[in-house]
N, C-alpha and C. Protein backbone atom coordinates (compact mmCIF):
# COMPACT_ATOMS: atom_id res chain seq x y z
N UNK A 1 0.82 -1.19 0.00
CA UNK A 1 0.00 0.00 0.00
C UNK A 1 0.87 1.26 0.00
N UNK A 2 1.96 1.22 0.76
CA UNK A 2 2.85 2.37 0.82
C UNK A 2 3.47 2.63 -0.56
N UNK A 3 3.81 1.56 -1.28
CA UNK A 3 4.40 1.70 -2.60
C UNK A 3 3.40 2.37 -3.56
N UNK A 4 2.14 1.97 -3.48
CA UNK A 4 1.11 2.56 -4.34
C UNK A 4 0.96 4.05 -4.03
N UNK A 5 0.94 4.39 -2.76
CA UNK A 5 0.82 5.80 -2.37
C UNK A 5 2.01 6.61 -2.86
N UNK A 6 3.19 6.04 -2.77
CA UNK A 6 4.40 6.72 -3.23
C UNK A 6 4.36 6.92 -4.74
N UNK A 7 3.95 5.90 -5.48
CA UNK A 7 3.86 6.01 -6.94
C UNK A 7 2.80 7.02 -7.35
N UNK A 8 1.68 7.04 -6.66
CA UNK A 8 0.63 8.00 -6.97
C UNK A 8 1.11 9.42 -6.70
N UNK A 9 1.79 9.64 -5.60
CA UNK A 9 2.31 10.97 -5.28
C UNK A 9 3.34 11.40 -6.31
N UNK A 10 4.21 10.50 -6.73
CA UNK A 10 5.22 10.83 -7.74
C UNK A 10 4.56 11.17 -9.06
N UNK A 11 3.52 10.45 -9.42
CA UNK A 11 2.80 10.72 -10.66
C UNK A 11 2.15 12.10 -10.63
N UNK A 12 1.54 12.44 -9.52
CA UNK A 12 0.91 13.75 -9.39
C UNK A 12 1.93 14.88 -9.45
N UNK A 13 3.07 14.67 -8.83
CA UNK A 13 4.11 15.70 -8.85
C UNK A 13 4.67 15.87 -10.26
N UNK A 14 4.80 14.80 -10.99
CA UNK A 14 5.34 14.87 -12.35
C UNK A 14 4.40 15.64 -13.28
N UNK A 15 3.10 15.55 -13.07
CA UNK A 15 2.15 16.24 -13.95
C UNK A 15 1.85 17.65 -13.47
N UNK A 16 2.20 17.99 -12.25
CA UNK A 16 1.88 19.30 -11.70
C UNK A 16 2.47 20.47 -12.47
N UNK A 17 3.75 20.43 -12.90
CA UNK A 17 4.29 21.57 -13.62
C UNK A 17 3.54 21.88 -14.92
N UNK A 18 3.16 20.85 -15.67
CA UNK A 18 2.43 21.08 -16.92
C UNK A 18 1.07 21.69 -16.63
N UNK A 19 0.36 21.17 -15.66
CA UNK A 19 -0.94 21.71 -15.31
C UNK A 19 -0.79 23.13 -14.83
N UNK A 20 0.19 23.37 -13.96
CA UNK A 20 0.40 24.71 -13.42
C UNK A 20 0.77 25.68 -14.54
N UNK A 21 1.55 25.24 -15.51
CA UNK A 21 1.96 26.12 -16.61
C UNK A 21 0.78 26.51 -17.48
N UNK A 22 -0.09 25.56 -17.79
CA UNK A 22 -1.28 25.88 -18.58
C UNK A 22 -2.19 26.80 -17.77
N UNK A 23 -2.27 26.55 -16.49
CA UNK A 23 -3.09 27.40 -15.62
C UNK A 23 -2.53 28.83 -15.60
N UNK A 24 -1.23 28.98 -15.52
CA UNK A 24 -0.60 30.31 -15.55
C UNK A 24 -0.89 30.99 -16.88
N UNK A 25 -0.76 30.26 -17.99
CA UNK A 25 -1.02 30.82 -19.31
C UNK A 25 -2.48 31.26 -19.43
N UNK A 26 -3.39 30.46 -18.91
CA UNK A 26 -4.81 30.80 -18.97
C UNK A 26 -5.11 32.01 -18.10
N UNK A 27 -4.57 32.01 -16.89
CA UNK A 27 -4.81 33.12 -15.95
C UNK A 27 -4.29 34.45 -16.48
N UNK A 28 -3.24 34.40 -17.28
CA UNK A 28 -2.63 35.62 -17.80
C UNK A 28 -3.06 35.95 -19.23
N UNK A 29 -4.14 35.34 -19.68
CA UNK A 29 -4.78 35.62 -20.97
C UNK A 29 -3.96 35.20 -22.19
N UNK A 30 -2.94 34.39 -22.01
CA UNK A 30 -2.14 33.91 -23.15
C UNK A 30 -2.97 33.05 -24.09
N UNK A 31 -3.85 32.25 -23.51
CA UNK A 31 -4.64 31.31 -24.30
C UNK A 31 -5.73 32.00 -25.11
N UNK A 32 -5.95 33.27 -24.90
CA UNK A 32 -6.89 34.02 -25.71
C UNK A 32 -6.37 34.25 -27.12
N UNK A 33 -5.07 34.32 -27.28
CA UNK A 33 -4.45 34.58 -28.58
C UNK A 33 -3.65 33.40 -29.11
N UNK A 34 -3.33 32.43 -28.26
CA UNK A 34 -2.51 31.29 -28.65
C UNK A 34 -3.22 29.98 -28.32
N UNK A 35 -2.94 28.96 -29.10
CA UNK A 35 -3.37 27.59 -28.82
C UNK A 35 -2.15 26.70 -28.99
N UNK A 36 -2.23 25.51 -28.47
CA UNK A 36 -1.10 24.59 -28.55
C UNK A 36 -0.81 24.20 -30.00
N UNK A 37 -1.86 23.90 -30.76
CA UNK A 37 -1.64 23.29 -32.08
C UNK A 37 -2.18 24.08 -33.27
N UNK A 38 -2.68 25.28 -33.06
CA UNK A 38 -3.17 26.07 -34.20
C UNK A 38 -2.99 27.56 -33.93
N UNK A 39 -2.82 28.30 -35.01
CA UNK A 39 -2.69 29.75 -34.93
C UNK A 39 -4.07 30.33 -34.61
N UNK A 40 -4.10 31.25 -33.68
CA UNK A 40 -5.33 32.01 -33.41
C UNK A 40 -5.01 33.42 -33.86
N UNK A 41 -4.67 34.30 -32.93
CA UNK A 41 -4.15 35.63 -33.28
C UNK A 41 -2.63 35.54 -33.38
N UNK A 42 -2.07 34.87 -32.39
CA UNK A 42 -0.63 34.63 -32.39
C UNK A 42 -0.33 33.21 -32.83
N UNK A 43 0.93 32.87 -32.94
CA UNK A 43 1.32 31.54 -33.43
C UNK A 43 0.94 30.43 -32.46
N UNK A 44 0.80 29.23 -33.00
CA UNK A 44 0.59 28.04 -32.18
C UNK A 44 1.84 27.80 -31.33
N UNK A 45 1.65 27.31 -30.14
CA UNK A 45 2.79 27.03 -29.27
C UNK A 45 3.73 26.01 -29.91
N UNK A 46 3.19 25.04 -30.66
CA UNK A 46 4.06 24.05 -31.31
C UNK A 46 4.98 24.73 -32.33
N UNK A 47 4.49 25.79 -32.98
CA UNK A 47 5.32 26.52 -33.94
C UNK A 47 6.39 27.35 -33.23
N UNK A 48 6.03 27.90 -32.09
CA UNK A 48 7.01 28.65 -31.29
C UNK A 48 8.12 27.70 -30.84
N UNK A 49 7.73 26.52 -30.35
CA UNK A 49 8.72 25.54 -29.89
C UNK A 49 9.65 25.13 -31.03
N UNK A 50 9.09 24.94 -32.22
CA UNK A 50 9.91 24.55 -33.37
C UNK A 50 10.88 25.65 -33.78
N UNK A 51 10.40 26.89 -33.77
CA UNK A 51 11.24 28.03 -34.19
C UNK A 51 12.43 28.23 -33.26
N UNK A 52 12.22 28.04 -31.97
CA UNK A 52 13.27 28.33 -30.99
C UNK A 52 14.00 27.08 -30.49
N UNK A 53 13.70 25.92 -31.09
CA UNK A 53 14.33 24.67 -30.67
C UNK A 53 15.85 24.78 -30.75
N UNK A 54 16.50 24.39 -29.67
CA UNK A 54 17.96 24.37 -29.64
C UNK A 54 18.62 25.70 -29.34
N UNK A 55 17.86 26.76 -29.19
CA UNK A 55 18.45 28.07 -28.88
C UNK A 55 18.63 28.19 -27.37
N UNK A 56 19.87 28.29 -26.95
CA UNK A 56 20.18 28.31 -25.52
C UNK A 56 19.54 29.48 -24.78
N UNK A 57 19.36 30.59 -25.46
CA UNK A 57 18.82 31.78 -24.79
C UNK A 57 17.31 31.95 -24.99
N UNK A 58 16.64 30.92 -25.50
CA UNK A 58 15.22 31.04 -25.85
C UNK A 58 14.34 31.38 -24.64
N UNK A 59 14.57 30.75 -23.50
CA UNK A 59 13.72 31.00 -22.33
C UNK A 59 13.83 32.46 -21.91
N UNK A 60 15.04 32.96 -21.79
CA UNK A 60 15.24 34.35 -21.39
C UNK A 60 14.63 35.31 -22.42
N UNK A 61 14.92 35.07 -23.69
CA UNK A 61 14.45 35.94 -24.76
C UNK A 61 12.93 35.99 -24.81
N UNK A 62 12.29 34.82 -24.76
CA UNK A 62 10.84 34.77 -24.87
C UNK A 62 10.14 35.26 -23.61
N UNK A 63 10.71 35.01 -22.44
CA UNK A 63 10.12 35.53 -21.21
C UNK A 63 10.09 37.06 -21.23
N UNK A 64 11.16 37.67 -21.76
CA UNK A 64 11.18 39.13 -21.90
C UNK A 64 10.10 39.60 -22.86
N UNK A 65 9.89 38.85 -23.97
CA UNK A 65 8.85 39.22 -24.93
C UNK A 65 7.46 39.09 -24.31
N UNK A 66 7.27 38.09 -23.48
CA UNK A 66 5.97 37.93 -22.82
C UNK A 66 5.69 39.16 -21.97
N UNK A 67 6.68 39.62 -21.23
CA UNK A 67 6.48 40.77 -20.34
C UNK A 67 6.43 42.10 -21.09
N UNK A 68 7.26 42.28 -22.10
CA UNK A 68 7.38 43.57 -22.79
C UNK A 68 6.54 43.67 -24.06
N UNK A 69 6.11 42.53 -24.60
CA UNK A 69 5.41 42.53 -25.88
C UNK A 69 6.40 42.48 -27.01
N UNK A 70 5.90 42.42 -28.23
CA UNK A 70 6.80 42.36 -29.37
C UNK A 70 6.01 42.43 -30.67
N UNK A 71 6.75 42.57 -31.76
CA UNK A 71 6.10 42.60 -33.07
C UNK A 71 7.09 42.23 -34.16
N UNK A 72 6.53 41.83 -35.31
CA UNK A 72 7.35 41.60 -36.48
C UNK A 72 7.90 40.20 -36.65
N UNK A 73 7.91 39.38 -35.62
CA UNK A 73 8.49 38.04 -35.74
C UNK A 73 7.51 37.08 -36.40
N UNK A 74 6.23 37.21 -36.07
CA UNK A 74 5.20 36.29 -36.56
C UNK A 74 4.20 36.98 -37.47
N UNK A 75 4.51 38.14 -37.93
CA UNK A 75 3.58 38.86 -38.80
C UNK A 75 3.30 40.25 -38.26
N UNK A 76 2.32 40.94 -38.84
CA UNK A 76 2.10 42.34 -38.50
C UNK A 76 1.36 42.59 -37.18
N UNK A 77 0.70 41.58 -36.63
CA UNK A 77 -0.07 41.79 -35.41
C UNK A 77 0.87 41.76 -34.21
N UNK A 78 0.97 42.85 -33.46
CA UNK A 78 1.88 42.87 -32.31
C UNK A 78 1.32 42.07 -31.12
N UNK A 79 2.22 41.52 -30.35
CA UNK A 79 1.82 40.88 -29.09
C UNK A 79 1.88 41.95 -28.01
N UNK A 80 0.76 42.18 -27.33
CA UNK A 80 0.77 43.21 -26.29
C UNK A 80 1.63 42.79 -25.10
N UNK A 81 2.12 43.77 -24.39
CA UNK A 81 2.91 43.51 -23.19
C UNK A 81 2.02 42.88 -22.12
N UNK A 82 2.61 42.02 -21.34
CA UNK A 82 1.92 41.43 -20.20
C UNK A 82 2.79 41.69 -18.97
N UNK A 83 2.88 42.96 -18.60
CA UNK A 83 3.76 43.37 -17.52
C UNK A 83 3.34 42.83 -16.16
N UNK A 84 2.09 42.42 -16.04
CA UNK A 84 1.59 41.94 -14.74
C UNK A 84 2.09 40.53 -14.40
N UNK A 85 2.50 39.75 -15.39
CA UNK A 85 2.98 38.40 -15.11
C UNK A 85 4.37 38.49 -14.46
N UNK A 86 4.58 37.68 -13.45
CA UNK A 86 5.90 37.69 -12.79
C UNK A 86 6.94 37.08 -13.72
N UNK A 87 8.18 37.43 -13.50
CA UNK A 87 9.26 36.88 -14.31
C UNK A 87 9.31 35.36 -14.17
N UNK A 88 9.11 34.86 -12.95
CA UNK A 88 9.13 33.42 -12.72
C UNK A 88 8.01 32.73 -13.48
N UNK A 89 6.79 33.30 -13.45
CA UNK A 89 5.68 32.71 -14.19
C UNK A 89 5.91 32.78 -15.70
N UNK A 90 6.46 33.87 -16.18
CA UNK A 90 6.75 34.00 -17.61
C UNK A 90 7.74 32.91 -18.04
N UNK A 91 8.77 32.68 -17.26
CA UNK A 91 9.76 31.65 -17.59
C UNK A 91 9.14 30.26 -17.51
N UNK A 92 8.26 30.03 -16.54
CA UNK A 92 7.60 28.73 -16.41
C UNK A 92 6.74 28.45 -17.63
N UNK A 93 5.97 29.44 -18.08
CA UNK A 93 5.12 29.27 -19.25
C UNK A 93 5.97 29.06 -20.51
N UNK A 94 7.03 29.82 -20.65
CA UNK A 94 7.90 29.68 -21.82
C UNK A 94 8.54 28.28 -21.85
N UNK A 95 9.00 27.80 -20.72
CA UNK A 95 9.58 26.45 -20.66
C UNK A 95 8.54 25.41 -21.06
N UNK A 96 7.31 25.60 -20.58
CA UNK A 96 6.22 24.69 -20.93
C UNK A 96 5.98 24.71 -22.44
N UNK A 97 5.96 25.89 -23.02
CA UNK A 97 5.75 26.02 -24.47
C UNK A 97 6.89 25.33 -25.22
N UNK A 98 8.12 25.60 -24.84
CA UNK A 98 9.27 25.03 -25.54
C UNK A 98 9.35 23.51 -25.37
N UNK A 99 8.76 22.99 -24.30
CA UNK A 99 8.74 21.55 -24.07
C UNK A 99 7.53 20.88 -24.75
N UNK A 100 6.78 21.62 -25.53
CA UNK A 100 5.67 21.05 -26.27
C UNK A 100 4.30 21.39 -25.73
N UNK A 101 4.22 22.20 -24.69
CA UNK A 101 2.94 22.63 -24.11
C UNK A 101 2.01 21.46 -23.83
N UNK A 102 2.54 20.45 -23.19
CA UNK A 102 1.74 19.26 -22.88
C UNK A 102 1.36 19.24 -21.42
């Protein structure tokens, strides 16, 4: 019984970051313009992950864009600044996106 409880706890902990990341993205209105697998107003998260795959500075670069906004990378529609999101939450969401937003 103890083994089952330990395995269940480990399973819940392993899925918590992904759930928390999607929750952070939803709470901060990211999901209003982005989806995991299709373009809405902004690019699909899978396309963002593909574009920045292998770039060592991607988390830092994209977390700054989340907070400050940006334009011109994905077309003419600018991404508004989201200054209210904490730096830690921005990095958590970006890592989630770069890991496939699962």
